[in-house]
Amino acid sequence: MPGSIPTIVRAFKSAVTRRINILRGTPGAPVWQRNYWEHIIRTERALNAIRQYIQENPRRWELDRHNAQMSGEDPLAREIWELLKTQTGGSDEHVSLLADDR
């Protein structure tokens, strides 16, 4: 559906991937981790937690499950996922979708 979130995200990722691969000289190389997760942010607390997660994310690379040399669990990520779970009324469906993309 034109203008939907999945369509916008797909177009954005496609355009950015083409540009990055042109700059790198790596046509067709993957750039993104699979999937993404959309969530309605309902509280100021959740917004601030997500902002903190985004700002600190590069410094926590050693804890990322996509890092082959991962050194342990990411406690901040777990805290945020639990906060989001409480916002969705305890819906494991949303949290499991998010956990798949961590």
Protein backbone atom coordinates (compact mmCIF):
# COMPACT_ATOMS: atom_id res chain seq x y z
CA MET A 1 0.00 0.00 0.00
CA PRO A 2 1.57 3.34 -1.01
CA GLY A 3 2.41 5.60 1.92
CA SER A 4 2.27 2.80 4.50
CA ILE A 5 5.07 2.46 7.03
CA PRO A 6 6.43 -0.77 5.45
CA THR A 7 6.46 0.87 2.00
CA ILE A 8 8.24 3.97 3.29
CA VAL A 9 10.81 1.92 5.23
CA ARG A 10 11.44 -0.36 2.23
CA ALA A 11 11.95 2.63 -0.10
CA PHE A 12 14.26 4.34 2.39
CA LYS A 13 16.37 1.21 2.93
CA SER A 14 16.58 0.59 -0.80
CA ALA A 15 17.72 4.13 -1.62
CA VAL A 16 20.25 4.21 1.23
CA THR A 17 21.60 0.76 0.32
CA ARG A 18 22.13 1.78 -3.32
CA ARG A 19 23.95 4.96 -2.26
CA ILE A 20 26.15 3.21 0.31
CA ASN A 21 27.08 0.49 -2.16
CA ILE A 22 27.95 3.09 -4.81
CA LEU A 23 30.20 4.89 -2.31
CA ARG A 24 31.80 1.62 -1.15
CA GLY A 25 32.05 0.14 -4.63
CA THR A 26 30.17 -2.96 -3.39
CA PRO A 27 27.12 -3.38 -5.65
CA GLY A 28 24.50 -5.69 -4.19
CA ALA A 29 26.16 -6.02 -0.78
CA PRO A 30 23.78 -6.18 2.20
CA VAL A 31 23.73 -3.13 4.46
CA TRP A 32 20.84 -3.67 6.89
CA GLN A 33 19.99 -6.26 9.51
CA ARG A 34 16.75 -8.04 8.63
CA ASN A 35 13.38 -6.62 9.62
CA TYR A 36 12.44 -3.65 11.75
CA TRP A 37 9.89 -3.09 14.46
CA GLU A 38 7.26 -0.41 14.60
CA HIS A 39 5.77 0.63 17.90
CA ILE A 40 3.57 3.47 19.08
CA ILE A 41 5.41 5.30 21.85
CA ARG A 42 2.79 6.02 24.46
CA THR A 43 4.66 7.62 27.36
CA GLU A 44 7.40 10.15 27.96
CA ARG A 45 9.29 7.47 29.91
CA ALA A 46 9.25 5.11 26.92
CA LEU A 47 10.31 7.90 24.56
CA ASN A 48 13.26 8.79 26.79
CA ALA A 49 14.27 5.12 27.17
CA ILE A 50 14.22 4.65 23.39
CA ARG A 51 16.21 7.84 22.86
CA GLN A 52 18.79 6.62 25.36
CA TYR A 53 18.96 3.22 23.65
CA ILE A 54 19.55 4.84 20.24
CA GLN A 55 22.23 7.21 21.58
CA GLU A 56 24.11 4.49 23.43
CA ASN A 57 23.63 1.72 20.87
CA PRO A 58 27.03 2.11 19.11
CA ARG A 59 28.85 1.91 22.46
CA ARG A 60 27.07 -1.37 23.26
CA TRP A 61 28.13 -3.21 20.09
CA GLU A 62 30.06 -5.78 22.15
CA LEU A 63 26.68 -6.83 23.66
CA ASP A 64 24.78 -7.04 20.35
CA ARG A 65 23.60 -10.53 19.36
CA HIS A 66 24.55 -9.76 15.73
CA ASN A 67 28.18 -9.29 16.80
CA ALA A 68 30.12 -12.56 16.41
CA GLN A 69 32.34 -11.55 19.37
CA MET A 70 29.37 -10.67 21.64
CA SER A 71 30.55 -10.53 25.24
CA GLY A 72 27.23 -10.82 27.14
CA GLU A 73 23.61 -9.69 27.60
CA ASP A 74 22.62 -6.07 27.04
CA PRO A 75 20.82 -4.99 30.26
CA LEU A 76 19.62 -1.67 28.77
CA ALA A 77 18.00 -3.46 25.84
CA ARG A 78 16.26 -5.90 28.19
CA GLU A 79 14.99 -3.00 30.34
CA ILE A 80 13.56 -1.21 27.30
CA TRP A 81 11.89 -4.34 25.92
CA GLU A 82 10.27 -4.95 29.31
CA LEU A 83 9.06 -1.33 29.42
CA LEU A 84 7.55 -1.67 25.96
CA LYS A 85 5.95 -4.96 26.94
CA THR A 86 4.16 -3.27 29.85
CA GLN A 87 2.92 -0.56 27.45
CA THR A 88 1.36 -3.12 25.11
CA GLY A 89 -0.56 -4.72 27.97
CA GLY A 90 1.95 -7.55 28.28
CA SER A 91 1.66 -8.58 24.64
CA ASP A 92 4.44 -11.07 23.99
CA GLU A 93 3.76 -10.78 20.25
CA HIS A 94 5.18 -7.24 20.07
CA VAL A 95 8.08 -8.00 22.36
CA SER A 96 9.02 -11.15 20.45
CA LEU A 97 8.98 -9.19 17.19
CA LEU A 98 11.30 -6.66 18.76
CA ALA A 99 13.55 -9.33 20.25
CA ASP A 100 13.94 -10.89 16.79
CA ASP A 101 15.38 -7.63 15.54
CA ARG A 102 17.81 -6.96 18.37
